[in-house]
C-alpha atoms as a PDB file:
ATOM      1  CA  UNK A   1     127.313  94.242 110.472  1.00  0.00           C
ATOM      2  CA  UNK A   2     125.455  97.096 108.791  1.00  0.00           C
ATOM      3  CA  UNK A   3     121.949  97.853 109.927  1.00  0.00           C
ATOM      4  CA  UNK A   4     119.486  97.513 107.093  1.00  0.00           C
ATOM      5  CA  UNK A   5     117.279 100.569 106.641  1.00  0.00           C
ATOM      6  CA  UNK A   6     113.946  99.755 105.148  1.00  0.00           C
ATOM      7  CA  UNK A   7     111.973 102.417 103.367  1.00  0.00           C
ATOM      8  CA  UNK A   8     108.216 101.921 103.675  1.00  0.00           C
ATOM      9  CA  UNK A   9     106.433 101.703 100.331  1.00  0.00           C
ATOM     10  CA  UNK A  10     104.097 104.461  99.230  1.00  0.00           C
ATOM     11  CA  UNK A  11     100.433 103.944  98.384  1.00  0.00           C
ATOM     12  CA  UNK A  12     101.064 103.341  94.680  1.00  0.00           C
ATOM     13  CA  UNK A  13     103.659 100.666  95.450  1.00  0.00           C
ATOM     14  CA  UNK A  14     101.281  98.946  97.858  1.00  0.00           C
ATOM     15  CA  UNK A  15      98.482  99.058  95.248  1.00  0.00           C
ATOM     16  CA  UNK A  16     100.760  97.602  92.554  1.00  0.00           C
ATOM     17  CA  UNK A  17     101.941  94.778  94.820  1.00  0.00           C
ATOM     18  CA  UNK A  18      98.405  93.870  95.898  1.00  0.00           C
ATOM     19  CA  UNK A  19      97.120  94.093  92.320  1.00  0.00           C
ATOM     20  CA  UNK A  20      99.837  91.696  91.153  1.00  0.00           C
ATOM     21  CA  UNK A  21      98.916  89.223  93.889  1.00  0.00           C
ATOM     22  CA  UNK A  22      95.206  89.423  93.044  1.00  0.00           C
ATOM     23  CA  UNK A  23      95.846  88.951  89.322  1.00  0.00           C
ATOM     24  CA  UNK A  24      98.022  85.892  89.962  1.00  0.00           C
ATOM     25  CA  UNK A  25      95.792  84.234  92.558  1.00  0.00           C
ATOM     26  CA  UNK A  26      92.327  85.087  91.273  1.00  0.00           C
ATOM     27  CA  UNK A  27      93.048  84.911  87.552  1.00  0.00           C
ATOM     28  CA  UNK A  28      91.586  88.301  86.736  1.00  0.00           C
ATOM     29  CA  UNK A  29      93.020  90.887  84.368  1.00  0.00           C
ATOM     30  CA  UNK A  30      94.985  93.768  85.855  1.00  0.00           C
ATOM     31  CA  UNK A  31      92.522  96.267  84.354  1.00  0.00           C
ATOM     32  CA  UNK A  32      89.719  94.659  86.362  1.00  0.00           C
ATOM     33  CA  UNK A  33      91.399  95.364  89.694  1.00  0.00           C
ATOM     34  CA  UNK A  34      90.516  98.659  91.340  1.00  0.00           C
ATOM     35  CA  UNK A  35      90.695  99.750  94.981  1.00  0.00           C
ATOM     36  CA  UNK A  36      86.901 100.190  94.751  1.00  0.00           C
ATOM     37  CA  UNK A  37      86.307  96.513  93.876  1.00  0.00           C
ATOM     38  CA  UNK A  38      85.244  94.058  96.539  1.00  0.00           C
ATOM     39  CA  UNK A  39      86.866  90.657  96.623  1.00  0.00           C
ATOM     40  CA  UNK A  40      83.496  89.146  95.706  1.00  0.00           C
ATOM     41  CA  UNK A  41      83.354  91.283  92.562  1.00  0.00           C
ATOM     42  CA  UNK A  42      86.696  89.771  91.574  1.00  0.00           C
ATOM     43  CA  UNK A  43      85.457  86.237  92.187  1.00  0.00           C
ATOM     44  CA  UNK A  44      87.056  85.593  95.592  1.00  0.00           C
ATOM     45  CA  UNK A  45      85.334  83.752  98.393  1.00  0.00           C
ATOM     46  CA  UNK A  46      86.684  83.631 101.961  1.00  0.00           C
ATOM     47  CA  UNK A  47      89.326  81.058 100.987  1.00  0.00           C
ATOM     48  CA  UNK A  48      90.484  83.324  98.154  1.00  0.00           C
ATOM     49  CA  UNK A  49      90.704  86.296 100.514  1.00  0.00           C
ATOM     50  CA  UNK A  50      92.822  84.303 102.969  1.00  0.00           C
ATOM     51  CA  UNK A  51      95.153  83.266 100.124  1.00  0.00           C
ATOM     52  CA  UNK A  52      95.535  86.882  98.977  1.00  0.00           C
ATOM     53  CA  UNK A  53      96.212  88.108 102.529  1.00  0.00           C
ATOM     54  CA  UNK A  54      98.854  85.413 103.098  1.00  0.00           C
ATOM     55  CA  UNK A  55     100.644  86.518  99.933  1.00  0.00           C
ATOM     56  CA  UNK A  56     100.408  90.173 101.015  1.00  0.00           C
ATOM     57  CA  UNK A  57     102.009  89.214 104.346  1.00  0.00           C
ATOM     58  CA  UNK A  58     104.836  87.515 102.437  1.00  0.00           C
ATOM     59  CA  UNK A  59     105.253  90.451 100.045  1.00  0.00           C
ATOM     60  CA  UNK A  60     105.651  92.849 102.970  1.00  0.00           C
ATOM     61  CA  UNK A  61     107.334  90.433 105.398  1.00  0.00           C
ATOM     62  CA  UNK A  62     110.159  92.837 106.216  1.00  0.00           C
ATOM     63  CA  UNK A  63     107.527  95.037 107.859  1.00  0.00           C
ATOM     64  CA  UNK A  64     106.052  92.094 109.807  1.00  0.00           C
ATOM     65  CA  UNK A  65     102.520  92.703 108.594  1.00  0.00           C
ATOM     66  CA  UNK A  66      99.954  90.235 109.882  1.00  0.00           C
ATOM     67  CA  UNK A  67      96.215  90.104 109.283  1.00  0.00           C
ATOM     68  CA  UNK A  68      93.890  88.847 111.980  1.00  0.00           C
ATOM     69  CA  UNK A  69      91.295  86.210 111.164  1.00  0.00           C
ATOM     70  CA  UNK A  70      88.169  87.942 109.892  1.00  0.00           C
ATOM     71  CA  UNK A  71      89.894  91.328 109.505  1.00  0.00           C
ATOM     72  CA  UNK A  72      89.164  91.346 105.766  1.00  0.00           C
ATOM     73  CA  UNK A  73      86.127  89.625 104.238  1.00  0.00           C
ATOM     74  CA  UNK A  74      85.026  88.932 100.647  1.00  0.00           C
ATOM     75  CA  UNK A  75      82.608  91.875 100.972  1.00  0.00           C
ATOM     76  CA  UNK A  76      85.453  94.317 101.701  1.00  0.00           C
ATOM     77  CA  UNK A  77      86.972  96.534  99.058  1.00  0.00           C
ATOM     78  CA  UNK A  78      90.586  96.173  97.962  1.00  0.00           C
ATOM     79  CA  UNK A  79      91.240  99.641  99.379  1.00  0.00           C
ATOM     80  CA  UNK A  80      90.678  98.229 102.877  1.00  0.00           C
ATOM     81  CA  UNK A  81      93.671  95.926 102.375  1.00  0.00           C
ATOM     82  CA  UNK A  82      95.756  98.808 100.990  1.00  0.00           C
ATOM     83  CA  UNK A  83      94.861 101.034 103.950  1.00  0.00           C
ATOM     84  CA  UNK A  84      95.505  98.226 106.399  1.00  0.00           C
ATOM     85  CA  UNK A  85      98.971  97.566 104.953  1.00  0.00           C
ATOM     86  CA  UNK A  86      99.841 101.270 105.135  1.00  0.00           C
ATOM     87  CA  UNK A  87      98.654 101.473 108.749  1.00  0.00           C
ATOM     88  CA  UNK A  88     100.649  98.398 109.751  1.00  0.00           C
ATOM     89  CA  UNK A  89     103.925  99.590 108.240  1.00  0.00           C
END
């Protein structure tokens, strides 16, 4: 059996993946999503943040990324999620 080599995504790939998840779950336009936005600015409450983080975990499951409860809040910027994903990979 061949060993699968996984190449970690770069920052732009992480941003694109997270943006896609936010657009789908929160119903905002892609142009509205910026790393400088907070989840609250995009209309997400704590339940919305948890939903986004679960989808991010699924999107990057091959890297076994997990978010701890309370690690990201609605007041946090999207860039915190991006940085967290990059640190966990």
